[in-house]
Amino acid sequence: LHRPPAIDGVEQLLPVRREDSWKFRVKPGVKEVRFGLPGLRLGYARDATASYFVFRTLREKGVLPRDLRFQISIPMVNSVVRALYFAEPGDIDKIRPGFEEALAAELAVITRRIPAEDLAIQWDCAWETAAVYGTHGLPESESRIETHTAPIKRLTALLPDGVALGFHFCF
């Protein structure tokens, strides 16, 4: 684990420079990383449920338009689990399947708690966009488009009919 350096003795959550980013590694001997508490571990479903209650209440009171959807923005698998944070060779391949599985479990909870006609999911695809455009000096293993599009396809297929889908492509 590498943490961003303290500034004037104060621990920093966010790095000041790219090279100060948090760095993680998989414990030696671990073959795959899985996340406990399926549907709750990452926090998207918990936060979405709480926020949806506020959204629905405001809409019912007429503060928000009746046809407005509740949007949840979720970073895509490879934008979260990437070499910037997991530099040890092979670690990414141990983490990504478990993270995708955890996202799928969060989506299951979200789509069970929020009606499809009220819901909009936005995939945030920063690293995926970089891969498609061949930027940021991606290593060969990270530059394959299929590496980045496959999780998008699999997770999108889990969304029920009626859920609006959007993408945020950024660098």
N, C-alpha and C. Protein backbone atom coordinates (compact mmCIF):
# COMPACT_ATOMS: atom_id res chain seq x y z
N LEU A 1 0.85 -1.18 0.00
CA LEU A 1 0.00 0.00 0.00
C LEU A 1 0.89 1.24 0.00
N HIS A 2 0.63 2.12 -0.91
CA HIS A 2 1.31 3.41 -0.95
C HIS A 2 0.25 4.49 -0.81
N ARG A 3 0.42 5.39 0.12
CA ARG A 3 -0.53 6.48 0.34
C ARG A 3 0.04 7.78 -0.20
N PRO A 4 -0.84 8.70 -0.62
CA PRO A 4 -0.34 10.03 -0.98
C PRO A 4 0.40 10.64 0.20
N PRO A 5 1.48 11.37 -0.05
CA PRO A 5 2.26 11.93 1.05
C PRO A 5 1.47 12.97 1.85
N ALA A 6 1.78 13.04 3.13
CA ALA A 6 1.14 14.04 3.99
C ALA A 6 1.65 15.43 3.62
N ILE A 7 0.80 16.41 3.79
CA ILE A 7 1.18 17.81 3.56
C ILE A 7 1.08 18.52 4.90
N ASP A 8 2.19 19.05 5.35
CA ASP A 8 2.27 19.70 6.66
C ASP A 8 1.74 18.78 7.76
N GLY A 9 2.05 17.49 7.65
CA GLY A 9 1.65 16.53 8.66
C GLY A 9 0.22 16.05 8.57
N VAL A 10 -0.54 16.52 7.57
CA VAL A 10 -1.93 16.13 7.42
C VAL A 10 -2.04 15.09 6.32
N GLU A 11 -2.59 13.91 6.67
CA GLU A 11 -2.77 12.84 5.68
C GLU A 11 -3.72 13.31 4.58
N GLN A 12 -3.39 12.99 3.34
CA GLN A 12 -4.18 13.43 2.19
C GLN A 12 -4.98 12.26 1.62
N LEU A 13 -6.26 12.47 1.37
CA LEU A 13 -7.08 11.46 0.72
C LEU A 13 -6.80 11.46 -0.78
N LEU A 14 -6.72 12.65 -1.36
CA LEU A 14 -6.50 12.79 -2.79
C LEU A 14 -5.06 13.19 -3.07
N PRO A 15 -4.47 12.60 -4.10
CA PRO A 15 -3.09 12.96 -4.43
C PRO A 15 -3.00 14.35 -5.03
N VAL A 16 -1.86 14.98 -4.84
CA VAL A 16 -1.60 16.28 -5.45
C VAL A 16 -1.11 16.07 -6.87
N ARG A 17 -0.27 15.04 -7.05
CA ARG A 17 0.27 14.71 -8.37
C ARG A 17 -0.10 13.27 -8.71
N ARG A 18 -0.11 12.96 -9.99
CA ARG A 18 -0.46 11.62 -10.45
C ARG A 18 0.40 10.55 -9.77
N GLU A 19 1.70 10.79 -9.67
CA GLU A 19 2.58 9.80 -9.08
C GLU A 19 2.37 9.62 -7.57
N ASP A 20 1.58 10.49 -6.96
CA ASP A 20 1.26 10.37 -5.54
C ASP A 20 0.01 9.52 -5.30
N SER A 21 -0.59 9.00 -6.35
CA SER A 21 -1.84 8.23 -6.22
C SER A 21 -1.66 7.04 -5.28
N TRP A 22 -2.77 6.65 -4.70
CA TRP A 22 -2.79 5.45 -3.87
C TRP A 22 -2.33 4.28 -4.74
N LYS A 23 -1.55 3.40 -4.17
CA LYS A 23 -1.08 2.19 -4.85
C LYS A 23 -1.41 0.99 -3.97
N PHE A 24 -1.92 -0.05 -4.60
CA PHE A 24 -2.31 -1.26 -3.88
C PHE A 24 -1.68 -2.46 -4.56
N ARG A 25 -1.61 -3.56 -3.82
CA ARG A 25 -1.17 -4.82 -4.41
C ARG A 25 -1.95 -5.94 -3.75
N VAL A 26 -2.08 -7.02 -4.50
CA VAL A 26 -2.75 -8.20 -3.98
C VAL A 26 -1.76 -8.96 -3.11
N LYS A 27 -2.22 -9.42 -1.97
CA LYS A 27 -1.38 -10.17 -1.05
C LYS A 27 -0.81 -11.40 -1.76
N PRO A 28 0.48 -11.65 -1.62
CA PRO A 28 1.08 -12.83 -2.27
C PRO A 28 0.32 -14.11 -1.92
N GLY A 29 0.11 -14.94 -2.92
CA GLY A 29 -0.60 -16.20 -2.74
C GLY A 29 -2.08 -16.13 -3.04
N VAL A 30 -2.66 -14.91 -3.07
CA VAL A 30 -4.07 -14.77 -3.38
C VAL A 30 -4.26 -14.91 -4.89
N LYS A 31 -5.15 -15.82 -5.29
CA LYS A 31 -5.35 -16.09 -6.72
C LYS A 31 -6.44 -15.22 -7.34
N GLU A 32 -7.42 -14.83 -6.54
CA GLU A 32 -8.48 -13.95 -7.02
C GLU A 32 -9.06 -13.16 -5.86
N VAL A 33 -9.45 -11.93 -6.15
CA VAL A 33 -10.02 -11.04 -5.14
C VAL A 33 -11.52 -11.00 -5.35
N ARG A 34 -12.24 -11.27 -4.28
CA ARG A 34 -13.69 -11.19 -4.29
C ARG A 34 -14.11 -10.21 -3.20
N PHE A 35 -15.26 -9.58 -3.38
CA PHE A 35 -15.74 -8.58 -2.43
C PHE A 35 -16.90 -9.17 -1.64
N GLY A 36 -16.84 -9.06 -0.33
CA GLY A 36 -17.91 -9.56 0.52
C GLY A 36 -19.14 -8.67 0.45
N LEU A 37 -20.17 -9.07 1.15
CA LEU A 37 -21.46 -8.35 1.20
C LEU A 37 -21.97 -8.02 -0.20
N PRO A 38 -22.21 -9.01 -1.05
CA PRO A 38 -22.66 -8.73 -2.42
C PRO A 38 -23.86 -7.79 -2.44
N GLY A 39 -23.76 -6.77 -3.28
CA GLY A 39 -24.82 -5.79 -3.43
C GLY A 39 -24.73 -4.61 -2.48
N LEU A 40 -23.81 -4.69 -1.54
CA LEU A 40 -23.67 -3.61 -0.56
C LEU A 40 -22.24 -3.14 -0.40
N ARG A 41 -21.27 -3.96 -0.72
CA ARG A 41 -19.87 -3.69 -0.41
C ARG A 41 -19.33 -2.42 -1.03
N LEU A 42 -19.68 -2.15 -2.28
CA LEU A 42 -19.14 -0.98 -2.96
C LEU A 42 -19.86 0.31 -2.58
N GLY A 43 -21.06 0.21 -2.08
CA GLY A 43 -21.79 1.38 -1.60
C GLY A 43 -22.72 2.03 -2.60
N TYR A 44 -22.66 1.63 -3.86
CA TYR A 44 -23.53 2.26 -4.86
C TYR A 44 -25.00 2.02 -4.57
N ALA A 45 -25.37 0.79 -4.25
CA ALA A 45 -26.78 0.48 -3.99
C ALA A 45 -27.27 1.18 -2.73
N ARG A 46 -26.46 1.19 -1.69
CA ARG A 46 -26.85 1.85 -0.43
C ARG A 46 -27.08 3.35 -0.66
N ASP A 47 -26.13 4.00 -1.31
CA ASP A 47 -26.25 5.43 -1.55
C ASP A 47 -27.37 5.75 -2.53
N ALA A 48 -27.53 4.91 -3.55
CA ALA A 48 -28.60 5.13 -4.53
C ALA A 48 -29.97 5.01 -3.88
N THR A 49 -30.14 4.03 -3.02
CA THR A 49 -31.42 3.83 -2.35
C THR A 49 -31.77 5.03 -1.47
N ALA A 50 -30.80 5.49 -0.71
CA ALA A 50 -31.05 6.65 0.16
C ALA A 50 -31.34 7.90 -0.67
N SER A 51 -30.59 8.10 -1.73
CA SER A 51 -30.79 9.28 -2.57
C SER A 51 -32.11 9.20 -3.35
N TYR A 52 -32.48 7.99 -3.76
CA TYR A 52 -33.74 7.83 -4.51
C TYR A 52 -34.93 8.22 -3.64
N PHE A 53 -34.86 7.92 -2.35
CA PHE A 53 -35.95 8.32 -1.45
C PHE A 53 -36.14 9.83 -1.49
N VAL A 54 -35.04 10.58 -1.43
CA VAL A 54 -35.10 12.04 -1.48
C VAL A 54 -35.63 12.49 -2.84
N PHE A 55 -35.11 11.90 -3.91
CA PHE A 55 -35.56 12.21 -5.27
C PHE A 55 -37.07 12.00 -5.41
N ARG A 56 -37.54 10.82 -4.99
CA ARG A 56 -38.96 10.49 -5.12
C ARG A 56 -39.83 11.45 -4.31
N THR A 57 -39.38 11.78 -3.11
CA THR A 57 -40.13 12.70 -2.25
C THR A 57 -40.23 14.08 -2.91
N LEU A 58 -39.13 14.59 -3.43
CA LEU A 58 -39.14 15.90 -4.10
C LEU A 58 -40.00 15.88 -5.35
N ARG A 59 -39.97 14.78 -6.07
CA ARG A 59 -40.80 14.66 -7.28
C ARG A 59 -42.29 14.62 -6.91
N GLU A 60 -42.63 13.87 -5.87
CA GLU A 60 -44.02 13.78 -5.42
C GLU A 60 -44.55 15.13 -4.94
N LYS A 61 -43.66 15.96 -4.37
CA LYS A 61 -44.06 17.29 -3.89
C LYS A 61 -44.09 18.31 -5.01
N GLY A 62 -43.70 17.91 -6.22
CA GLY A 62 -43.71 18.81 -7.36
C GLY A 62 -42.47 19.68 -7.49
N VAL A 63 -41.48 19.46 -6.66
CA VAL A 63 -40.24 20.23 -6.74
C VAL A 63 -39.45 19.82 -7.99
N LEU A 64 -39.52 18.53 -8.32
CA LEU A 64 -38.86 18.00 -9.52
C LEU A 64 -39.92 17.61 -10.55
N PRO A 65 -39.61 17.71 -11.83
CA PRO A 65 -40.58 17.32 -12.87
C PRO A 65 -40.95 15.85 -12.77
N ARG A 66 -42.19 15.53 -13.09
CA ARG A 66 -42.71 14.16 -13.01
C ARG A 66 -41.95 13.18 -13.90
N ASP A 67 -41.47 13.65 -15.06
CA ASP A 67 -40.84 12.74 -16.02
C ASP A 67 -39.32 12.63 -15.83
N LEU A 68 -38.81 13.23 -14.78
CA LEU A 68 -37.37 13.20 -14.51
C LEU A 68 -36.96 11.82 -14.02
N ARG A 69 -35.82 11.33 -14.50
CA ARG A 69 -35.29 10.04 -14.04
C ARG A 69 -34.21 10.27 -12.98
N PHE A 70 -34.00 9.25 -12.19
CA PHE A 70 -32.98 9.25 -11.16
C PHE A 70 -31.72 8.63 -11.77
N GLN A 71 -30.65 9.41 -11.89
CA GLN A 71 -29.42 8.93 -12.52
C GLN A 71 -28.40 8.48 -11.48
N ILE A 72 -27.81 7.33 -11.77
CA ILE A 72 -26.71 6.81 -10.96
C ILE A 72 -25.51 6.67 -11.88
N SER A 73 -24.43 7.34 -11.55
CA SER A 73 -23.20 7.26 -12.34
C SER A 73 -22.26 6.27 -11.66
N ILE A 74 -21.81 5.29 -12.45
CA ILE A 74 -20.97 4.23 -11.91
C ILE A 74 -19.72 4.10 -12.78
N PRO A 75 -18.54 4.16 -12.18
CA PRO A 75 -17.33 4.00 -12.98
C PRO A 75 -17.22 2.56 -13.46
N MET A 76 -16.80 2.41 -14.71
CA MET A 76 -16.67 1.08 -15.29
C MET A 76 -15.45 0.37 -14.70
N VAL A 77 -15.47 -0.94 -14.79
CA VAL A 77 -14.49 -1.83 -14.16
C VAL A 77 -13.04 -1.39 -14.40
N ASN A 78 -12.67 -1.18 -15.65
CA ASN A 78 -11.27 -0.91 -15.95
C ASN A 78 -10.85 0.51 -15.62
N SER A 79 -11.82 1.39 -15.39
CA SER A 79 -11.48 2.74 -14.94
C SER A 79 -11.14 2.75 -13.45
N VAL A 80 -11.63 1.77 -12.73
CA VAL A 80 -11.35 1.67 -11.30
C VAL A 80 -10.12 0.81 -11.05
N VAL A 81 -10.11 -0.36 -11.64
CA VAL A 81 -9.02 -1.31 -11.43
C VAL A 81 -8.05 -1.17 -12.59
N ARG A 82 -7.04 -0.34 -12.39
CA ARG A 82 -6.09 -0.05 -13.46
C ARG A 82 -4.66 0.02 -12.94
N ALA A 83 -3.74 -0.01 -13.86
CA ALA A 83 -2.33 -0.09 -13.52
C ALA A 83 -1.85 1.09 -12.67
N LEU A 84 -2.49 2.24 -12.76
CA LEU A 84 -2.10 3.37 -11.95
C LEU A 84 -2.18 3.02 -10.45
N TYR A 85 -3.16 2.22 -10.08
CA TYR A 85 -3.38 1.87 -8.68
C TYR A 85 -2.86 0.47 -8.33
N PHE A 86 -2.79 -0.41 -9.33
CA PHE A 86 -2.35 -1.80 -9.13
C PHE A 86 -1.22 -2.08 -10.11
N ALA A 87 -0.02 -1.70 -9.76
CA ALA A 87 1.12 -1.77 -10.68
C ALA A 87 1.78 -3.14 -10.72
N GLU A 88 1.53 -3.97 -9.73
CA GLU A 88 2.16 -5.29 -9.66
C GLU A 88 1.65 -6.16 -10.81
N PRO A 89 2.56 -6.73 -11.63
CA PRO A 89 2.12 -7.56 -12.75
C PRO A 89 1.20 -8.69 -12.29
N GLY A 90 0.09 -8.85 -12.99
CA GLY A 90 -0.87 -9.91 -12.68
C GLY A 90 -1.95 -9.54 -11.69
N ASP A 91 -1.75 -8.48 -10.92
CA ASP A 91 -2.76 -8.12 -9.91
C ASP A 91 -4.09 -7.71 -10.53
N ILE A 92 -4.04 -6.97 -11.61
CA ILE A 92 -5.28 -6.51 -12.24
C ILE A 92 -6.17 -7.69 -12.62
N ASP A 93 -5.57 -8.72 -13.18
CA ASP A 93 -6.34 -9.89 -13.60
C ASP A 93 -6.93 -10.65 -12.42
N LYS A 94 -6.39 -10.46 -11.24
CA LYS A 94 -6.92 -11.09 -10.03
C LYS A 94 -8.08 -10.28 -9.43
N ILE A 95 -8.12 -8.99 -9.75
CA ILE A 95 -9.10 -8.10 -9.12
C ILE A 95 -10.30 -7.82 -10.02
N ARG A 96 -10.09 -7.59 -11.30
CA ARG A 96 -11.19 -7.16 -12.18
C ARG A 96 -12.40 -8.07 -12.17
N PRO A 97 -12.23 -9.40 -12.26
CA PRO A 97 -13.45 -10.24 -12.25
C PRO A 97 -14.27 -10.07 -10.96
N GLY A 98 -13.60 -9.97 -9.83
CA GLY A 98 -14.32 -9.78 -8.57
C GLY A 98 -14.99 -8.43 -8.48
N PHE A 99 -14.33 -7.41 -9.02
CA PHE A 99 -14.94 -6.08 -9.00
C PHE A 99 -16.16 -6.05 -9.92
N GLU A 100 -16.05 -6.67 -11.09
CA GLU A 100 -17.21 -6.73 -12.00
C GLU A 100 -18.36 -7.49 -11.34
N GLU A 101 -18.05 -8.58 -10.66
CA GLU A 101 -19.06 -9.35 -9.94
C GLU A 101 -19.72 -8.48 -8.86
N ALA A 102 -18.93 -7.69 -8.16
CA ALA A 102 -19.46 -6.80 -7.12
C ALA A 102 -20.36 -5.73 -7.73
N LEU A 103 -19.96 -5.18 -8.89
CA LEU A 103 -20.81 -4.21 -9.57
C LEU A 103 -22.13 -4.84 -10.00
N ALA A 104 -22.07 -6.07 -10.51
CA ALA A 104 -23.29 -6.77 -10.93
C ALA A 104 -24.24 -6.95 -9.74
N ALA A 105 -23.68 -7.29 -8.58
CA ALA A 105 -24.50 -7.45 -7.38
C ALA A 105 -25.12 -6.12 -6.95
N GLU A 106 -24.36 -5.03 -7.08
CA GLU A 106 -24.90 -3.70 -6.75
C GLU A 106 -26.05 -3.35 -7.71
N LEU A 107 -25.86 -3.65 -9.00
CA LEU A 107 -26.92 -3.38 -9.99
C LEU A 107 -28.19 -4.17 -9.67
N ALA A 108 -28.03 -5.41 -9.23
CA ALA A 108 -29.19 -6.23 -8.88
C ALA A 108 -30.00 -5.58 -7.76
N VAL A 109 -29.31 -5.07 -6.76
CA VAL A 109 -29.99 -4.41 -5.64
C VAL A 109 -30.64 -3.11 -6.13
N ILE A 110 -29.91 -2.34 -6.89
CA ILE A 110 -30.43 -1.06 -7.40
C ILE A 110 -31.70 -1.28 -8.23
N THR A 111 -31.64 -2.22 -9.15
CA THR A 111 -32.79 -2.43 -10.04
C THR A 111 -33.96 -3.12 -9.33
N ARG A 112 -33.70 -3.73 -8.19
CA ARG A 112 -34.77 -4.28 -7.38
C ARG A 112 -35.46 -3.18 -6.56
N ARG A 113 -34.70 -2.16 -6.18
CA ARG A 113 -35.23 -1.11 -5.30
C ARG A 113 -35.76 0.11 -6.04
N ILE A 114 -35.29 0.33 -7.27
CA ILE A 114 -35.69 1.53 -8.02
C ILE A 114 -36.37 1.09 -9.31
N PRO A 115 -37.61 1.52 -9.55
CA PRO A 115 -38.32 1.10 -10.76
C PRO A 115 -37.58 1.51 -12.03
N ALA A 116 -37.60 0.62 -13.02
CA ALA A 116 -36.89 0.85 -14.28
C ALA A 116 -37.29 2.17 -14.93
N GLU A 117 -38.56 2.52 -14.87
CA GLU A 117 -39.01 3.74 -15.53
C GLU A 117 -38.51 5.01 -14.84
N ASP A 118 -37.99 4.87 -13.62
CA ASP A 118 -37.43 6.00 -12.89
C ASP A 118 -35.90 6.07 -13.00
N LEU A 119 -35.29 5.02 -13.52
CA LEU A 119 -33.84 4.85 -13.39
C LEU A 119 -33.07 5.16 -14.67
N ALA A 120 -31.95 5.83 -14.50
CA ALA A 120 -30.97 6.05 -15.57
C ALA A 120 -29.60 5.66 -15.01
N ILE A 121 -28.92 4.77 -15.71
CA ILE A 121 -27.57 4.36 -15.32
C ILE A 121 -26.60 5.01 -16.29
N GLN A 122 -25.56 5.62 -15.76
CA GLN A 122 -24.50 6.18 -16.60
C GLN A 122 -23.20 5.46 -16.28
N TRP A 123 -22.60 4.83 -17.29
CA TRP A 123 -21.28 4.23 -17.13
C TRP A 123 -20.24 5.32 -17.35
N ASP A 124 -19.37 5.50 -16.39
CA ASP A 124 -18.26 6.43 -16.53
C ASP A 124 -17.06 5.65 -17.05
N CYS A 125 -16.63 5.99 -18.24
CA CYS A 125 -15.63 5.20 -18.97
C CYS A 125 -14.38 6.01 -19.29
N ALA A 126 -13.61 6.35 -18.28
CA ALA A 126 -12.40 7.14 -18.50
C ALA A 126 -11.28 6.28 -19.10
N TRP A 127 -10.93 5.22 -18.43
CA TRP A 127 -9.83 4.37 -18.90
C TRP A 127 -10.21 3.63 -20.17
N GLU A 128 -11.48 3.25 -20.28
CA GLU A 128 -11.96 2.57 -21.48
C GLU A 128 -11.82 3.48 -22.70
N THR A 129 -12.12 4.77 -22.52
CA THR A 129 -11.98 5.73 -23.61
C THR A 129 -10.51 5.88 -24.00
N ALA A 130 -9.64 5.94 -23.02
CA ALA A 130 -8.21 6.04 -23.30
C ALA A 130 -7.73 4.84 -24.10
N ALA A 131 -8.25 3.66 -23.78
CA ALA A 131 -7.85 2.45 -24.51
C ALA A 131 -8.28 2.51 -25.96
N VAL A 132 -9.50 2.95 -26.20
CA VAL A 132 -10.02 3.03 -27.57
C VAL A 132 -9.21 4.01 -28.40
N TYR A 133 -8.82 5.11 -27.79
CA TYR A 133 -8.07 6.14 -28.51
C TYR A 133 -6.56 5.94 -28.45
N GLY A 134 -6.12 4.91 -27.72
CA GLY A 134 -4.70 4.59 -27.65
C GLY A 134 -3.86 5.67 -26.99
N THR A 135 -4.39 6.31 -25.96
CA THR A 135 -3.68 7.39 -25.30
C THR A 135 -3.11 6.93 -23.96
N HIS A 136 -2.40 7.81 -23.32
CA HIS A 136 -1.85 7.61 -21.97
C HIS A 136 -0.79 6.52 -21.92
N GLY A 137 -0.21 6.13 -23.04
CA GLY A 137 0.85 5.13 -23.02
C GLY A 137 0.45 3.82 -22.37
N LEU A 138 -0.72 3.33 -22.72
CA LEU A 138 -1.20 2.08 -22.12
C LEU A 138 -0.28 0.92 -22.46
N PRO A 139 -0.04 0.04 -21.49
CA PRO A 139 0.73 -1.16 -21.80
C PRO A 139 -0.07 -2.03 -22.77
N GLU A 140 0.62 -2.91 -23.48
CA GLU A 140 -0.02 -3.77 -24.49
C GLU A 140 -1.24 -4.50 -23.95
N SER A 141 -1.13 -5.05 -22.74
CA SER A 141 -2.24 -5.80 -22.16
C SER A 141 -3.47 -4.93 -21.91
N GLU A 142 -3.27 -3.63 -21.76
CA GLU A 142 -4.38 -2.71 -21.50
C GLU A 142 -4.91 -2.05 -22.76
N SER A 143 -4.27 -2.24 -23.88
CA SER A 143 -4.68 -1.53 -25.08
C SER A 143 -5.66 -2.33 -25.94
N ARG A 144 -5.96 -3.57 -25.58
CA ARG A 144 -6.93 -4.36 -26.34
C ARG A 144 -8.33 -3.82 -26.07
N ILE A 145 -9.03 -3.45 -27.11
CA ILE A 145 -10.37 -2.88 -26.95
C ILE A 145 -11.30 -3.87 -26.27
N GLU A 146 -11.21 -5.13 -26.60
CA GLU A 146 -12.09 -6.15 -26.00
C GLU A 146 -11.93 -6.19 -24.49
N THR A 147 -10.73 -5.94 -23.98
CA THR A 147 -10.50 -5.91 -22.53
C THR A 147 -11.42 -4.89 -21.87
N HIS A 148 -11.70 -3.82 -22.59
CA HIS A 148 -12.49 -2.72 -22.02
C HIS A 148 -13.96 -2.77 -22.37
N THR A 149 -14.30 -3.32 -23.52
CA THR A 149 -15.71 -3.34 -23.93
C THR A 149 -16.48 -4.52 -23.34
N ALA A 150 -15.82 -5.63 -23.07
CA ALA A 150 -16.52 -6.82 -22.56
C ALA A 150 -17.25 -6.55 -21.24
N PRO A 151 -16.62 -5.93 -20.24
CA PRO A 151 -17.37 -5.66 -19.00
C PRO A 151 -18.56 -4.72 -19.24
N ILE A 152 -18.42 -3.77 -20.13
CA ILE A 152 -19.54 -2.86 -20.45
C ILE A 152 -20.71 -3.66 -21.00
N LYS A 153 -20.43 -4.56 -21.93
CA LYS A 153 -21.49 -5.39 -22.52
C LYS A 153 -22.15 -6.28 -21.47
N ARG A 154 -21.32 -6.94 -20.66
CA ARG A 154 -21.88 -7.87 -19.66
C ARG A 154 -22.74 -7.14 -18.62
N LEU A 155 -22.26 -6.02 -18.11
CA LEU A 155 -23.02 -5.30 -17.08
C LEU A 155 -24.27 -4.64 -17.66
N THR A 156 -24.17 -4.12 -18.87
CA THR A 156 -25.33 -3.50 -19.51
C THR A 156 -26.43 -4.53 -19.74
N ALA A 157 -26.05 -5.75 -20.07
CA ALA A 157 -27.03 -6.82 -20.31
C ALA A 157 -27.84 -7.15 -19.06
N LEU A 158 -27.35 -6.77 -17.89
CA LEU A 158 -28.06 -7.04 -16.64
C LEU A 158 -29.17 -6.03 -16.34
N LEU A 159 -29.19 -4.93 -17.09
CA LEU A 159 -30.18 -3.88 -16.82
C LEU A 159 -31.55 -4.30 -17.37
N PRO A 160 -32.59 -4.13 -16.58
CA PRO A 160 -33.94 -4.47 -17.06
C PRO A 160 -34.39 -3.52 -18.17
N ASP A 161 -35.33 -3.99 -18.98
CA ASP A 161 -35.93 -3.13 -19.99
C ASP A 161 -36.51 -1.90 -19.31
N GLY A 162 -36.38 -0.77 -19.96
CA GLY A 162 -36.93 0.47 -19.44
C GLY A 162 -35.93 1.35 -18.72
N VAL A 163 -34.81 0.79 -18.31
CA VAL A 163 -33.77 1.60 -17.66
C VAL A 163 -33.05 2.40 -18.74
N ALA A 164 -32.94 3.70 -18.55
CA ALA A 164 -32.19 4.53 -19.50
C ALA A 164 -30.70 4.30 -19.27
N LEU A 165 -29.94 4.29 -20.35
CA LEU A 165 -28.51 4.04 -20.27
C LEU A 165 -27.76 5.18 -20.91
N GLY A 166 -26.73 5.64 -20.25
CA GLY A 166 -25.88 6.70 -20.80
C GLY A 166 -24.42 6.37 -20.54
N PHE A 167 -23.56 7.09 -21.25
CA PHE A 167 -22.12 6.90 -21.10
C PHE A 167 -21.47 8.24 -20.91
N HIS A 168 -20.46 8.28 -20.06
CA HIS A 168 -19.63 9.47 -19.90
C HIS A 168 -18.25 9.07 -20.36
N PHE A 169 -17.87 9.55 -21.53
CA PHE A 169 -16.56 9.24 -22.08
C PHE A 169 -15.63 10.40 -21.75
N CYS A 170 -14.62 10.14 -20.96
CA CYS A 170 -13.71 11.21 -20.58
C CYS A 170 -12.30 10.68 -20.57
N PHE A 171 -11.34 11.59 -20.57
CA PHE A 171 -9.94 11.22 -20.51
C PHE A 171 -9.38 11.61 -19.17
